[in-house]
Protein backbone atom coordinates (compact mmCIF):
# COMPACT_ATOMS: atom_id res chain seq x y z
CA UNK A 1 -29.76 9.83 -40.61
CA UNK A 2 -28.80 6.95 -39.14
CA UNK A 3 -29.77 3.48 -40.37
CA UNK A 4 -31.60 0.85 -37.86
CA UNK A 5 -28.62 -1.15 -37.93
CA UNK A 6 -26.36 1.63 -36.89
CA UNK A 7 -28.66 2.46 -34.32
CA UNK A 8 -28.92 -1.07 -32.89
CA UNK A 9 -25.27 -1.36 -32.95
CA UNK A 10 -24.87 1.83 -30.86
CA UNK A 11 -27.63 0.80 -28.39
CA UNK A 12 -25.58 -2.65 -27.85
CA UNK A 13 -22.42 -0.66 -27.29
CA UNK A 14 -24.08 1.47 -24.63
CA UNK A 15 -25.39 -1.54 -22.70
CA UNK A 16 -21.94 -2.43 -22.12
CA UNK A 17 -21.66 0.77 -19.95
CA UNK A 18 -25.31 1.12 -18.53
CA UNK A 19 -28.02 -1.31 -17.81
CA UNK A 20 -30.80 1.14 -18.52
CA UNK A 21 -31.37 2.11 -22.34
CA UNK A 22 -33.76 5.10 -22.79
CA UNK A 23 -36.63 5.07 -25.63
CA UNK A 24 -34.26 6.30 -28.54
CA UNK A 25 -32.87 2.56 -28.56
CA UNK A 26 -36.09 1.06 -29.82
CA UNK A 27 -39.71 0.62 -28.43
CA UNK A 28 -42.12 3.14 -27.00
CA UNK A 29 -40.64 3.06 -23.50
CA UNK A 30 -37.36 2.26 -21.40
CA UNK A 31 -35.63 -0.88 -22.53
CA UNK A 32 -33.70 -2.69 -19.61
CA UNK A 33 -30.65 -4.70 -20.56
CA UNK A 34 -28.52 -6.59 -18.18
CA UNK A 35 -24.79 -7.15 -18.73
CA UNK A 36 -22.45 -9.67 -16.94
CA UNK A 37 -20.43 -7.33 -14.59
CA UNK A 38 -16.63 -7.82 -14.03
CA UNK A 39 -16.15 -9.47 -10.49
CA UNK A 40 -14.19 -6.63 -9.38
CA UNK A 41 -17.25 -4.36 -9.98
CA UNK A 42 -18.96 -6.03 -7.23
CA UNK A 43 -16.08 -5.26 -4.73
CA UNK A 44 -17.06 -2.35 -2.50
CA UNK A 45 -14.55 -2.68 0.50
CA UNK A 46 -10.83 -3.10 0.25
CA UNK A 47 -8.47 -3.95 3.08
CA UNK A 48 -4.68 -3.47 2.55
CA UNK A 49 -2.30 -4.80 5.09
CA UNK A 50 1.28 -3.88 4.53
CA UNK A 51 4.13 -5.60 6.28
CA UNK A 52 7.79 -5.19 6.07
CA UNK A 53 11.08 -6.38 4.61
CA UNK A 54 10.57 -10.26 3.67
CA UNK A 55 11.63 -11.84 0.30
CA UNK A 56 9.47 -14.28 -1.31
CA UNK A 57 11.19 -17.53 -0.43
CA UNK A 58 11.54 -16.58 3.15
CA UNK A 59 7.83 -15.80 3.48
CA UNK A 60 6.11 -18.43 1.52
CA UNK A 61 8.69 -21.16 1.36
CA UNK A 62 8.25 -24.55 3.09
CA UNK A 63 9.95 -23.53 6.16
CA UNK A 64 8.35 -20.06 6.46
CA UNK A 65 8.07 -18.73 9.99
CA UNK A 66 4.66 -17.40 9.26
CA UNK A 67 2.50 -20.36 8.61
CA UNK A 68 -0.73 -18.84 8.96
CA UNK A 69 0.12 -16.35 5.97
CA UNK A 70 2.20 -18.90 3.87
CA UNK A 71 -0.05 -21.85 4.39
CA UNK A 72 -3.58 -21.01 5.81
CA UNK A 73 -4.30 -17.75 3.81
CA UNK A 74 -2.96 -18.76 0.66
CA UNK A 75 -5.30 -21.96 0.85
CA UNK A 76 -8.15 -19.61 1.39
CA UNK A 77 -7.42 -17.22 -1.33
CA UNK A 78 -4.74 -16.49 -4.16
CA UNK A 79 -1.12 -16.29 -3.82
CA UNK A 80 0.54 -13.99 -6.37
CA UNK A 81 3.78 -15.54 -7.02
CA UNK A 82 5.57 -12.69 -8.86
CA UNK A 83 4.37 -9.60 -6.94
CA UNK A 84 7.33 -7.11 -6.51
CA UNK A 85 8.19 -3.99 -4.42
CA UNK A 86 8.81 -0.94 -6.15
CA UNK A 87 12.14 0.19 -4.46
CA UNK A 88 14.18 0.12 -1.51
CA UNK A 89 14.24 0.99 1.57
CA UNK A 90 10.46 1.66 2.69
CA UNK A 91 9.06 4.74 2.25
CA UNK A 92 9.21 4.60 -1.68
CA UNK A 93 7.09 1.37 -1.66
CA UNK A 94 4.20 2.82 0.40
CA UNK A 95 4.22 6.25 -1.80
CA UNK A 96 4.22 4.21 -5.10
CA UNK A 97 1.24 2.26 -3.52
CA UNK A 98 -1.10 5.17 -2.72
CA UNK A 99 -0.06 7.63 -5.31
CA UNK A 100 1.79 6.38 -8.24
CA UNK A 101 4.84 8.64 -7.56
CA UNK A 102 8.32 7.52 -8.09
CA UNK A 103 10.66 8.43 -5.30
CA UNK A 104 12.79 11.60 -4.85
CA UNK A 105 16.26 11.03 -3.19
CA UNK A 106 15.06 11.69 0.15
CA UNK A 107 12.03 9.42 0.13
CA UNK A 108 14.15 6.65 -1.45
CA UNK A 109 16.20 6.68 1.97
CA UNK A 110 13.01 7.03 4.29
CA UNK A 111 13.36 10.94 4.74
CA UNK A 112 15.90 10.50 7.71
CA UNK A 113 17.54 13.84 7.16
CA UNK A 114 14.35 16.21 7.40
CA UNK A 115 10.62 16.39 6.99
CA UNK A 116 10.57 18.99 4.35
CA UNK A 117 8.23 19.82 1.38
CA UNK A 118 9.45 18.75 -2.37
CA UNK A 119 10.89 21.49 -4.20
CA UNK A 120 10.72 22.63 -7.26
CA UNK A 121 8.19 19.92 -7.55
CA UNK A 122 8.28 20.15 -11.22
CA UNK A 123 5.58 18.00 -12.98
CA UNK A 124 7.34 15.87 -15.86
CA UNK A 125 6.25 12.64 -17.67
CA UNK A 126 3.63 10.35 -16.42
CA UNK A 127 2.91 13.05 -13.90
CA UNK A 128 5.95 12.34 -11.94
CA UNK A 129 7.08 15.14 -9.50
CA UNK A 130 10.91 16.00 -10.01
CA UNK A 131 12.64 17.62 -6.93
CA UNK A 132 14.15 17.09 -3.79
CA UNK A 133 12.43 16.44 -0.17
CA UNK A 134 9.65 14.43 1.29
CA UNK A 135 6.29 15.92 1.18
CA UNK A 136 4.40 16.19 -2.08
CA UNK A 137 2.66 19.62 -2.86
CA UNK A 138 -1.25 19.81 -2.46
CA UNK A 139 -1.54 19.34 -6.28
CA UNK A 140 -0.32 15.65 -6.23
CA UNK A 141 -3.19 13.17 -5.53
CA UNK A 142 -3.36 9.87 -4.00
CA UNK A 143 -5.94 7.02 -3.84
CA UNK A 144 -7.14 8.64 -0.75
CA UNK A 145 -7.93 12.02 -2.61
CA UNK A 146 -9.56 9.88 -5.55
CA UNK A 147 -11.84 8.18 -2.95
CA UNK A 148 -12.93 11.41 -1.40
CA UNK A 149 -13.74 13.06 -4.63
CA UNK A 150 -15.93 10.11 -5.60
CA UNK A 151 -17.80 10.33 -2.43
CA UNK A 152 -16.19 7.19 -1.23
CA UNK A 153 -14.68 6.38 2.25
CA UNK A 154 -11.34 5.73 3.21
CA UNK A 155 -8.92 5.40 6.45
CA UNK A 156 -5.38 4.65 7.30
CA UNK A 157 -5.13 2.50 10.50
CA UNK A 158 -1.70 2.98 11.97
CA UNK A 159 -0.13 0.79 14.61
CA UNK A 160 0.96 2.65 17.95
CA UNK A 161 0.31 5.95 16.43
CA UNK A 162 -0.12 8.66 19.42
CA UNK A 163 1.28 6.17 22.00
CA UNK A 164 3.92 8.96 22.97
CA UNK A 165 1.90 12.13 22.17
CA UNK A 166 5.17 14.06 22.46
CA UNK A 167 6.36 12.34 19.61
CA UNK A 168 3.22 12.57 17.38
CA UNK A 169 -0.68 12.75 17.40
CA UNK A 170 -2.90 9.92 17.88
CA UNK A 171 -4.29 11.09 14.57
CA UNK A 172 -2.64 12.31 11.47
CA UNK A 173 0.58 11.95 13.32
CA UNK A 174 3.49 13.39 11.57
CA UNK A 175 6.68 15.19 12.41
CA UNK A 176 6.59 18.96 12.24
CA UNK A 177 7.59 20.10 8.88
CA UNK A 178 11.34 21.32 8.77
CA UNK A 179 12.13 18.85 11.62
CA UNK A 180 13.71 15.41 11.92
CA UNK A 181 11.52 12.52 12.31
CA UNK A 182 11.74 11.12 15.53
CA UNK A 183 9.90 7.79 14.79
CA UNK A 184 12.62 6.24 12.89
CA UNK A 185 13.20 3.81 15.76
CA UNK A 186 10.84 2.68 18.41
CA UNK A 187 10.53 3.70 21.85
CA UNK A 188 10.52 1.21 24.86
CA UNK A 189 7.90 1.53 27.51
CA UNK A 190 8.64 4.02 30.28
CA UNK A 191 6.57 5.28 33.00
CA UNK A 192 5.49 8.08 30.60
CA UNK A 193 4.70 5.83 27.90
CA UNK A 194 3.61 2.42 29.40
CA UNK A 195 3.06 0.66 26.17
CA UNK A 196 5.99 2.18 24.22
CA UNK A 197 5.85 3.41 20.77
CA UNK A 198 6.48 1.72 17.73
CA UNK A 199 4.89 3.86 15.20
CA UNK A 200 6.92 4.76 12.06
CA UNK A 201 5.71 7.79 10.04
CA UNK A 202 7.67 6.29 7.06
CA UNK A 203 5.27 3.55 6.93
CA UNK A 204 2.12 6.03 6.87
CA UNK A 205 2.17 7.19 3.34
CA UNK A 206 -0.64 9.77 3.77
CA UNK A 207 1.63 11.83 5.95
CA UNK A 208 3.83 12.90 2.92
CA UNK A 209 0.99 14.58 0.75
CA UNK A 210 -0.07 18.20 1.73
CA UNK A 211 -3.37 17.38 0.00
CA UNK A 212 -4.09 15.11 3.01
CA UNK A 213 -1.99 16.52 6.19
CA UNK A 214 -3.07 20.17 5.43
CA UNK A 215 -6.93 18.84 5.55
CA UNK A 216 -8.97 18.85 8.89
CA UNK A 217 -10.27 15.64 7.72
CA UNK A 218 -6.76 14.01 7.98
CA UNK A 219 -7.57 13.67 11.88
CA UNK A 220 -10.45 11.55 11.07
CA UNK A 221 -9.14 9.78 8.40
CA UNK A 222 -5.62 8.48 9.80
CA UNK A 223 -6.10 7.03 13.12
CA UNK A 224 -4.77 4.61 15.80
CA UNK A 225 -5.24 1.00 14.50
CA UNK A 226 -6.12 -0.53 17.96
CA UNK A 227 -8.24 2.44 19.11
CA UNK A 228 -10.55 2.65 16.03
CA UNK A 229 -10.55 -0.32 13.45
CA UNK A 230 -12.55 -2.97 15.83
CA UNK A 231 -15.41 -0.60 16.20
CA UNK A 232 -15.27 0.45 12.70
CA UNK A 233 -15.60 -3.19 11.51
CA UNK A 234 -18.99 -3.38 13.47
CA UNK A 235 -21.23 -2.42 10.43
CA UNK A 236 -21.00 -1.92 6.70
CA UNK A 237 -21.85 1.84 7.26
CA UNK A 238 -18.80 2.39 9.55
CA UNK A 239 -16.34 0.46 7.52
CA UNK A 240 -14.49 2.51 4.87
CA UNK A 241 -14.52 1.72 1.15
CA UNK A 242 -10.61 1.38 1.48
CA UNK A 243 -8.70 0.67 4.66
CA UNK A 244 -4.95 0.82 4.53
CA UNK A 245 -3.59 -0.87 7.55
CA UNK A 246 -0.10 -0.52 8.89
CA UNK A 247 1.02 -2.57 11.82
CA UNK A 248 3.81 -1.09 14.23
CA UNK A 249 7.34 -1.89 13.75
CA UNK A 250 6.98 -4.98 16.01
CA UNK A 251 3.95 -6.53 14.05
CA UNK A 252 4.92 -5.63 10.66
CA UNK A 253 8.23 -7.64 11.05
CA UNK A 254 10.46 -4.72 10.66
CA UNK A 255 12.48 -5.35 13.85
CA UNK A 256 13.92 -8.53 14.76
CA UNK A 257 13.56 -7.64 18.31
CA UNK A 258 10.38 -5.80 19.55
CA UNK A 259 11.47 -2.60 21.77
CA UNK A 260 8.23 -2.49 23.15
CA UNK A 261 8.45 -5.99 24.89
CA UNK A 262 11.69 -7.61 24.27
CA UNK A 263 9.96 -10.37 22.22
CA UNK A 264 11.08 -11.67 18.81
CA UNK A 265 9.72 -9.84 15.83
CA UNK A 266 10.22 -10.82 11.96
CA UNK A 267 7.74 -13.31 10.52
CA UNK A 268 6.83 -15.07 13.89
CA UNK A 269 5.15 -11.64 14.77
CA UNK A 270 3.88 -11.23 11.57
CA UNK A 271 2.10 -14.42 11.89
CA UNK A 272 0.83 -13.33 15.42
CA UNK A 273 -0.49 -10.21 14.30
CA UNK A 274 -2.49 -11.70 11.15
CA UNK A 275 -3.91 -14.49 13.29
CA UNK A 276 -5.63 -11.82 15.12
CA UNK A 277 -6.78 -9.35 12.58
CA UNK A 278 -7.35 -11.19 9.63
CA UNK A 279 -10.46 -13.24 11.13
CA UNK A 280 -11.59 -9.90 12.75
CA UNK A 281 -11.72 -8.48 9.18
CA UNK A 282 -13.28 -11.57 7.66
CA UNK A 283 -16.15 -11.81 10.03
CA UNK A 284 -17.11 -8.12 9.39
CA UNK A 285 -20.21 -7.59 7.64
CA UNK A 286 -18.58 -5.31 5.13
CA UNK A 287 -15.97 -7.99 4.03
CA UNK A 288 -18.63 -10.72 3.97
CA UNK A 289 -20.77 -8.66 1.84
CA UNK A 290 -18.26 -7.34 -0.91
CA UNK A 291 -14.70 -7.39 0.58
CA UNK A 292 -11.10 -8.02 -0.51
CA UNK A 293 -8.12 -8.22 1.68
CA UNK A 294 -4.39 -7.53 0.06
CA UNK A 295 -1.58 -8.73 2.08
CA UNK A 296 1.98 -7.73 1.13
CA UNK A 297 5.27 -6.49 1.97
CA UNK A 298 6.80 -2.92 1.13
CA UNK A 299 9.78 -4.51 -0.04
CA UNK A 300 11.97 -7.85 -0.16
CA UNK A 301 14.85 -8.28 2.42
CA UNK A 302 18.42 -7.17 2.15
CA UNK A 303 20.65 -9.52 -0.30
CA UNK A 304 23.75 -9.40 2.06
CA UNK A 305 25.30 -7.49 4.92
CA UNK A 306 28.86 -6.81 5.69
CA UNK A 307 29.81 -5.32 9.18
CA UNK A 308 32.86 -3.58 10.53
CA UNK A 309 33.47 -1.76 13.56
CA UNK A 310 31.26 1.35 13.59
CA UNK A 311 29.74 0.71 10.35
CA UNK A 312 27.57 -1.80 8.32
CA UNK A 313 27.11 -2.06 4.52
CA UNK A 314 23.63 -3.29 3.49
CA UNK A 315 23.06 -4.44 -0.23
CA UNK A 316 20.07 -4.69 -2.16
CA UNK A 317 19.65 -6.29 -5.43
CA UNK A 318 16.73 -4.00 -6.41
CA UNK A 319 15.14 -6.31 -9.34
CA UNK A 320 12.08 -4.72 -11.01
CA UNK A 321 9.24 -6.23 -13.03
CA UNK A 322 6.24 -4.87 -14.94
CA UNK A 323 8.10 -2.49 -17.05
CA UNK A 324 8.41 -0.40 -13.85
CA UNK A 325 10.05 3.08 -14.70
CA UNK A 326 12.93 4.75 -12.62
CA UNK A 327 11.58 8.18 -12.43
CA UNK A 328 13.33 11.57 -12.82
CA UNK A 329 15.05 11.97 -9.46
CA UNK A 330 17.48 9.30 -8.69
CA UNK A 331 20.00 8.88 -11.32
CA UNK A 332 22.30 5.96 -12.57
CA UNK A 333 22.53 2.68 -10.63
CA UNK A 334 23.87 1.07 -8.86
CA UNK A 335 24.18 3.67 -5.83
CA UNK A 336 25.31 3.88 -2.48
CA UNK A 337 24.54 6.26 0.43
CA UNK A 338 25.57 6.42 4.09
CA UNK A 339 23.08 7.34 6.86
CA UNK A 340 24.57 8.48 10.45
CA UNK A 341 22.94 6.14 12.97
CA UNK A 342 24.63 7.97 15.93
CA UNK A 343 28.05 9.69 16.44
CA UNK A 344 30.06 6.56 16.34
CA UNK A 345 27.86 4.51 13.79
CA UNK A 346 26.83 4.57 10.32
CA UNK A 347 24.98 2.53 7.74
CA UNK A 348 25.93 2.25 3.95
CA UNK A 349 23.07 1.42 1.59
CA UNK A 350 24.13 -0.27 -1.72
CA UNK A 351 21.32 -0.64 -4.29
CA UNK A 352 22.11 -2.51 -7.41
CA UNK A 353 18.86 -1.23 -9.17
CA UNK A 354 15.79 1.02 -8.39
CA UNK A 355 13.37 -2.04 -7.60
CA UNK A 356 12.01 -3.46 -4.46
CA UNK A 357 12.78 -7.36 -5.53
CA UNK A 358 10.09 -10.24 -5.29
CA UNK A 359 8.07 -10.27 -2.29
CA UNK A 360 4.84 -11.94 -3.07
CA UNK A 361 0.97 -11.17 -2.02
CA UNK A 362 -2.02 -13.09 -0.71
CA UNK A 363 -5.64 -11.75 -1.69
CA UNK A 364 -8.52 -12.88 0.07
CA UNK A 365 -12.08 -12.49 -1.07
CA UNK A 366 -15.53 -14.60 -1.96
CA UNK A 367 -14.61 -13.67 -5.45
CA UNK A 368 -11.50 -15.58 -5.49
CA UNK A 369 -11.56 -19.54 -5.32
CA UNK A 370 -9.53 -21.07 -2.44
CA UNK A 371 -5.97 -22.08 -3.32
CA UNK A 372 -5.89 -19.82 -6.51
CA UNK A 373 -2.09 -19.32 -7.67
CA UNK A 374 -1.21 -16.61 -10.04
CA UNK A 375 2.16 -16.11 -11.90
CA UNK A 376 1.35 -13.14 -13.67
CA UNK A 377 3.90 -10.13 -12.68
CA UNK A 378 2.62 -7.34 -10.45
CA UNK A 379 3.95 -4.82 -8.25
CA UNK A 380 2.69 -1.79 -6.21
CA UNK A 381 1.84 0.21 -9.07
CA UNK A 382 -0.47 -2.69 -10.16
CA UNK A 383 -2.23 -2.78 -6.91
CA UNK A 384 -2.73 0.83 -7.18
CA UNK A 385 -4.13 0.35 -10.59
CA UNK A 386 -6.34 -2.52 -9.49
CA UNK A 387 -7.90 -0.62 -6.55
CA UNK A 388 -8.63 2.11 -8.73
CA UNK A 389 -10.10 -0.13 -11.18
CA UNK A 390 -12.45 -1.67 -8.13
CA UNK A 391 -13.76 1.87 -7.84
CA UNK A 392 -14.04 3.41 -10.97
CA UNK A 393 -11.09 5.88 -10.64
CA UNK A 394 -8.62 7.06 -13.07
CA UNK A 395 -4.96 5.79 -12.71
CA UNK A 396 -2.48 7.97 -10.88
CA UNK A 397 1.29 8.40 -11.88
CA UNK A 398 2.97 5.02 -12.91
CA UNK A 399 -0.20 3.33 -12.27
CA UNK A 400 -1.00 4.49 -15.75
CA UNK A 401 2.17 2.97 -17.16
CA UNK A 402 2.07 1.48 -20.77
CA UNK A 403 1.86 -2.23 -20.35
CA UNK A 404 1.01 -2.28 -16.83
CA UNK A 405 -1.92 -4.51 -15.72
CA UNK A 406 -4.36 -4.70 -12.74
CA UNK A 407 -5.56 -7.99 -10.98
CA UNK A 408 -7.79 -9.84 -13.59
CA UNK A 409 -9.33 -13.15 -14.12
CA UNK A 410 -6.00 -14.77 -12.74
CA UNK A 411 -6.92 -13.41 -9.39
CA UNK A 412 -10.71 -13.16 -9.41
CA UNK A 413 -11.28 -16.67 -10.19
CA UNK A 414 -14.59 -17.34 -8.50
CA UNK A 415 -16.78 -15.94 -11.45
């Protein structure tokens, strides 16, 4: 038989998990106890904006060409000074962010050689998938699958998706399985495509999981940014709990010159995009009620370029943080691989290590004191862990790696 002291201790421990303790914990009726919740428990709407290919000093330095991000938004929220990408060149970062999966050889190089299912897809340590190919089998879960299972809502909002319906659908837009991805470069406007098309499948991580693309719900959950997000923001009820926003190849800063209008890309274009969309999100009922905006980049910029007739060699440092693990598929570093751009042109990628280098991130929320600066090391796996923590979900893949931490009191400073 438990002593009164033991019973009381168990009741106190239970109160940390539930505000309502039943009659067995003393008294003749229900006993209601109140605990102090964690700040992140109060967040119910997360907006992720993923940008492209900029290092921390370029983005957040004193001469940044994106002053709205580097100065205005950091003054309103939290700047993460030690936030790292997970790899190079693009796709591997997006996949790590939504699934905790490390890359295959193909996803590590943006799946330029074919849109194929990963085989043999063997599950190894940390629930990592070993194999070759691009699309994960249906057994591999993402944050989107977790949200659905928890009866929470999510959407991916993709810039320009479906502008060229002959290339990709306006919802759940991806290449046919077994074909070459035609979205690797932007399309300039034509009579048939008046707005051009700068959608890139490799920047839409949801398209690389059979658990999503094989489901009819993909058509309602992965949609065109401009066509859908403004209306979804009009009420709390229509705003997803998780919104993953990928601008087109111009607005995300990827292309130095925009194919769709001939204007400069890079950080100035990022600045313009954020000046339009961030105030729209911040004025939405869902954000004002309990929102969090996370703005970051997939990876850092290249460290050096060497050009020769018909070829170009691009080098990445590949620095890591947070005890990031390489995964089972890549092999020893440094590595180099050559991609044929055309019959007469090729690009050689040289990677010093498997990381994505220092990129930084900005978070905005009423739960964050303006001007917060955190030096805690984070990466994309940390961000996934943090979003899972917010929604009470388990940690996928390397988001469950030993020693990894999610955003804490260094970020959520407005207690």
